């Protein structure tokens, strides 16, 4: 996965993942349903609670 400066805020982790997946599909022409568990873990490692 490439470095991306996008940032999202959501009430729940499920909602946050919807934003992340939509962004991946629209901004990066990726297919989130084909992301590997390692890709998802890499993204999850970037998530910070505020």
PDB file of N, CA and C in Angstrom:
ATOM      1  N   UNK A   1       0.840  -1.182   0.000  1.00  0.00           N
ATOM      2  CA  UNK A   1       0.000   0.000   0.000  1.00  0.00           C
ATOM      3  C   UNK A   1       0.884   1.244   0.000  1.00  0.00           C
ATOM      4  N   UNK A   2       0.408   2.242  -0.680  1.00  0.00           N
ATOM      5  CA  UNK A   2       1.149   3.489  -0.756  1.00  0.00           C
ATOM      6  C   UNK A   2       0.824   4.388   0.436  1.00  0.00           C
ATOM      7  N   UNK A   3       1.693   5.345   0.697  1.00  0.00           N
ATOM      8  CA  UNK A   3       1.452   6.317   1.756  1.00  0.00           C
ATOM      9  C   UNK A   3       0.359   7.273   1.299  1.00  0.00           C
ATOM     10  N   UNK A   4      -0.557   7.583   2.207  1.00  0.00           N
ATOM     11  CA  UNK A   4      -1.676   8.458   1.870  1.00  0.00           C
ATOM     12  C   UNK A   4      -1.921   9.410   3.042  1.00  0.00           C
ATOM     13  N   UNK A   5      -2.120  10.694   2.777  1.00  0.00           N
ATOM     14  CA  UNK A   5      -2.336  11.657   3.856  1.00  0.00           C
ATOM     15  C   UNK A   5      -3.790  11.750   4.341  1.00  0.00           C
ATOM     16  N   UNK A   6      -4.667  10.898   3.834  1.00  0.00           N
ATOM     17  CA  UNK A   6      -6.082  10.982   4.220  1.00  0.00           C
ATOM     18  C   UNK A   6      -6.253  10.770   5.726  1.00  0.00           C
ATOM     19  N   UNK A   7      -7.278  11.410   6.272  1.00  0.00           N
ATOM     20  CA  UNK A   7      -7.625  11.257   7.694  1.00  0.00           C
ATOM     21  C   UNK A   7      -9.138  11.210   7.808  1.00  0.00           C
ATOM     22  N   UNK A   8      -9.619  10.365   8.696  1.00  0.00           N
ATOM     23  CA  UNK A   8     -11.057  10.188   8.877  1.00  0.00           C
ATOM     24  C   UNK A   8     -11.385  10.171  10.357  1.00  0.00           C
ATOM     25  N   UNK A   9     -12.570  10.639  10.681  1.00  0.00           N
ATOM     26  CA  UNK A   9     -13.083  10.612  12.045  1.00  0.00           C
ATOM     27  C   UNK A   9     -14.453   9.955  12.000  1.00  0.00           C
ATOM     28  N   UNK A  10     -14.699   9.045  12.936  1.00  0.00           N
ATOM     29  CA  UNK A  10     -15.982   8.338  12.966  1.00  0.00           C
ATOM     30  C   UNK A  10     -16.339   7.989  14.402  1.00  0.00           C
ATOM     31  N   UNK A  11     -17.604   7.720  14.618  1.00  0.00           N
ATOM     32  CA  UNK A  11     -18.090   7.371  15.956  1.00  0.00           C
ATOM     33  C   UNK A  11     -17.694   5.948  16.358  1.00  0.00           C
ATOM     34  N   UNK A  12     -17.665   5.036  15.382  1.00  0.00           N
ATOM     35  CA  UNK A  12     -17.355   3.642  15.683  1.00  0.00           C
ATOM     36  C   UNK A  12     -16.266   3.135  14.740  1.00  0.00           C
ATOM     37  N   UNK A  13     -15.632   2.040  15.120  1.00  0.00           N
ATOM     38  CA  UNK A  13     -14.615   1.447  14.254  1.00  0.00           C
ATOM     39  C   UNK A  13     -15.246   0.919  12.968  1.00  0.00           C
ATOM     40  N   UNK A  14     -16.448   0.376  13.060  1.00  0.00           N
ATOM     41  CA  UNK A  14     -17.134  -0.120  11.869  1.00  0.00           C
ATOM     42  C   UNK A  14     -17.376   1.016  10.871  1.00  0.00           C
ATOM     43  N   UNK A  15     -17.815   2.155  11.367  1.00  0.00           N
ATOM     44  CA  UNK A  15     -18.046   3.312  10.493  1.00  0.00           C
ATOM     45  C   UNK A  15     -16.724   3.794   9.894  1.00  0.00           C
ATOM     46  N   UNK A  16     -15.675   3.789  10.696  1.00  0.00           N
ATOM     47  CA  UNK A  16     -14.362   4.203  10.214  1.00  0.00           C
ATOM     48  C   UNK A  16     -13.899   3.312   9.067  1.00  0.00           C
ATOM     49  N   UNK A  17     -14.098   1.995   9.202  1.00  0.00           N
ATOM     50  CA  UNK A  17     -13.691   1.079   8.140  1.00  0.00           C
ATOM     51  C   UNK A  17     -14.485   1.319   6.859  1.00  0.00           C
ATOM     52  N   UNK A  18     -15.734   1.712   6.983  1.00  0.00           N
ATOM     53  CA  UNK A  18     -16.518   2.041   5.785  1.00  0.00           C
ATOM     54  C   UNK A  18     -15.889   3.220   5.051  1.00  0.00           C
ATOM     55  N   UNK A  19     -15.463   4.238   5.794  1.00  0.00           N
ATOM     56  CA  UNK A  19     -14.800   5.403   5.198  1.00  0.00           C
ATOM     57  C   UNK A  19     -13.473   4.991   4.543  1.00  0.00           C
ATOM     58  N   UNK A  20     -12.698   4.183   5.250  1.00  0.00           N
ATOM     59  CA  UNK A  20     -11.403   3.744   4.731  1.00  0.00           C
ATOM     60  C   UNK A  20     -11.589   2.940   3.439  1.00  0.00           C
ATOM     61  N   UNK A  21     -12.530   2.025   3.450  1.00  0.00           N
ATOM     62  CA  UNK A  21     -12.765   1.186   2.265  1.00  0.00           C
ATOM     63  C   UNK A  21     -13.275   2.014   1.087  1.00  0.00           C
ATOM     64  N   UNK A  22     -14.185   2.940   1.337  1.00  0.00           N
ATOM     65  CA  UNK A  22     -14.686   3.802   0.274  1.00  0.00           C
ATOM     66  C   UNK A  22     -13.557   4.651  -0.299  1.00  0.00           C
ATOM     67  N   UNK A  23     -12.731   5.171   0.573  1.00  0.00           N
ATOM     68  CA  UNK A  23     -11.584   5.969   0.129  1.00  0.00           C
ATOM     69  C   UNK A  23     -10.634   5.121  -0.712  1.00  0.00           C
ATOM     70  N   UNK A  24     -10.337   3.926  -0.253  1.00  0.00           N
ATOM     71  CA  UNK A  24      -9.455   3.044  -1.011  1.00  0.00           C
ATOM     72  C   UNK A  24      -9.992   2.777  -2.407  1.00  0.00           C
ATOM     73  N   UNK A  25     -11.288   2.562  -2.491  1.00  0.00           N
ATOM     74  CA  UNK A  25     -11.911   2.261  -3.778  1.00  0.00           C
ATOM     75  C   UNK A  25     -11.939   3.482  -4.698  1.00  0.00           C
ATOM     76  N   UNK A  26     -12.311   4.636  -4.166  1.00  0.00           N
ATOM     77  CA  UNK A  26     -12.488   5.811  -5.024  1.00  0.00           C
ATOM     78  C   UNK A  26     -11.190   6.566  -5.285  1.00  0.00           C
ATOM     79  N   UNK A  27     -10.353   6.719  -4.290  1.00  0.00           N
ATOM     80  CA  UNK A  27      -9.143   7.519  -4.458  1.00  0.00           C
ATOM     81  C   UNK A  27      -7.967   6.712  -4.997  1.00  0.00           C
ATOM     82  N   UNK A  28      -7.974   5.408  -4.739  1.00  0.00           N
ATOM     83  CA  UNK A  28      -6.819   4.590  -5.112  1.00  0.00           C
ATOM     84  C   UNK A  28      -7.175   3.448  -6.056  1.00  0.00           C
ATOM     85  N   UNK A  29      -8.420   3.385  -6.479  1.00  0.00           N
ATOM     86  CA  UNK A  29      -8.897   2.337  -7.387  1.00  0.00           C
ATOM     87  C   UNK A  29      -8.540   0.938  -6.879  1.00  0.00           C
ATOM     88  N   UNK A  30      -8.626   0.752  -5.567  1.00  0.00           N
ATOM     89  CA  UNK A  30      -8.370  -0.547  -4.950  1.00  0.00           C
ATOM     90  C   UNK A  30      -9.688  -1.271  -4.743  1.00  0.00           C
ATOM     91  N   UNK A  31      -9.607  -2.555  -4.484  1.00  0.00           N
ATOM     92  CA  UNK A  31     -10.776  -3.360  -4.173  1.00  0.00           C
ATOM     93  C   UNK A  31     -10.637  -3.832  -2.730  1.00  0.00           C
ATOM     94  N   UNK A  32     -11.257  -3.115  -1.785  1.00  0.00           N
ATOM     95  CA  UNK A  32     -11.096  -3.444  -0.372  1.00  0.00           C
ATOM     96  C   UNK A  32     -11.438  -4.894  -0.021  1.00  0.00           C
ATOM     97  N   UNK A  33     -12.371  -5.505  -0.746  1.00  0.00           N
ATOM     98  CA  UNK A  33     -12.704  -6.897  -0.448  1.00  0.00           C
ATOM     99  C   UNK A  33     -11.559  -7.841  -0.815  1.00  0.00           C
ATOM    100  N   UNK A  34     -10.564  -7.328  -1.532  1.00  0.00           N
ATOM    101  CA  UNK A  34      -9.394  -8.132  -1.881  1.00  0.00           C
ATOM    102  C   UNK A  34      -8.169  -7.780  -1.041  1.00  0.00           C
ATOM    103  N   UNK A  35      -8.327  -6.862  -0.073  1.00  0.00           N
ATOM    104  CA  UNK A  35      -7.216  -6.542   0.816  1.00  0.00           C
ATOM    105  C   UNK A  35      -6.884  -7.770   1.646  1.00  0.00           C
ATOM    106  N   UNK A  36      -5.616  -8.045   1.781  1.00  0.00           N
ATOM    107  CA  UNK A  36      -5.173  -9.186   2.576  1.00  0.00           C
ATOM    108  C   UNK A  36      -5.307  -8.861   4.067  1.00  0.00           C
ATOM    109  N   UNK A  37      -5.277  -9.883   4.906  1.00  0.00           N
ATOM    110  CA  UNK A  37      -5.278  -9.616   6.353  1.00  0.00           C
ATOM    111  C   UNK A  37      -4.093  -8.729   6.756  1.00  0.00           C
ATOM    112  N   UNK A  38      -2.969  -8.884   6.073  1.00  0.00           N
ATOM    113  CA  UNK A  38      -1.799  -8.057   6.373  1.00  0.00           C
ATOM    114  C   UNK A  38      -2.056  -6.595   6.003  1.00  0.00           C
ATOM    115  N   UNK A  39      -2.719  -6.364   4.856  1.00  0.00           N
ATOM    116  CA  UNK A  39      -3.074  -4.992   4.463  1.00  0.00           C
ATOM    117  C   UNK A  39      -3.987  -4.369   5.510  1.00  0.00           C
ATOM    118  N   UNK A  40      -4.996  -5.115   5.925  1.00  0.00           N
ATOM    119  CA  UNK A  40      -5.938  -4.593   6.925  1.00  0.00           C
ATOM    120  C   UNK A  40      -5.231  -4.318   8.252  1.00  0.00           C
ATOM    121  N   UNK A  41      -4.292  -5.167   8.628  1.00  0.00           N
ATOM    122  CA  UNK A  41      -3.558  -4.948   9.872  1.00  0.00           C
ATOM    123  C   UNK A  41      -2.685  -3.710   9.761  1.00  0.00           C
ATOM    124  N   UNK A  42      -2.078  -3.504   8.599  1.00  0.00           N
ATOM    125  CA  UNK A  42      -1.258  -2.314   8.379  1.00  0.00           C
ATOM    126  C   UNK A  42      -2.104  -1.053   8.553  1.00  0.00           C
ATOM    127  N   UNK A  43      -3.311  -1.062   8.016  1.00  0.00           N
ATOM    128  CA  UNK A  43      -4.218   0.077   8.177  1.00  0.00           C
ATOM    129  C   UNK A  43      -4.629   0.215   9.636  1.00  0.00           C
ATOM    130  N   UNK A  44      -4.981  -0.900  10.255  1.00  0.00           N
ATOM    131  CA  UNK A  44      -5.429  -0.866  11.656  1.00  0.00           C
ATOM    132  C   UNK A  44      -4.344  -0.287  12.561  1.00  0.00           C
ATOM    133  N   UNK A  45      -3.097  -0.554  12.241  1.00  0.00           N
ATOM    134  CA  UNK A  45      -1.989  -0.011  13.041  1.00  0.00           C
ATOM    135  C   UNK A  45      -1.904   1.505  12.974  1.00  0.00           C
ATOM    136  N   UNK A  46      -2.535   2.104  11.972  1.00  0.00           N
ATOM    137  CA  UNK A  46      -2.529   3.563  11.824  1.00  0.00           C
ATOM    138  C   UNK A  46      -3.676   4.244  12.565  1.00  0.00           C
ATOM    139  N   UNK A  47      -4.653   3.461  13.010  1.00  0.00           N
ATOM    140  CA  UNK A  47      -5.833   4.028  13.666  1.00  0.00           C
ATOM    141  C   UNK A  47      -5.489   4.487  15.071  1.00  0.00           C
ATOM    142  N   UNK A  48      -5.887   5.710  15.369  1.00  0.00           N
ATOM    143  CA  UNK A  48      -5.643   6.308  16.691  1.00  0.00           C
ATOM    144  C   UNK A  48      -6.961   6.771  17.272  1.00  0.00           C
ATOM    145  N   UNK A  49      -7.154   6.499  18.547  1.00  0.00           N
ATOM    146  CA  UNK A  49      -8.352   7.014  19.242  1.00  0.00           C
ATOM    147  C   UNK A  49      -8.050   8.410  19.770  1.00  0.00           C
ATOM    148  N   UNK A  50      -9.061   9.251  19.724  1.00  0.00           N
ATOM    149  CA  UNK A  50      -8.872  10.603  20.243  1.00  0.00           C
ATOM    150  C   UNK A  50      -9.701  10.830  21.471  1.00  0.00           C
TER     151      UNK A  50
END
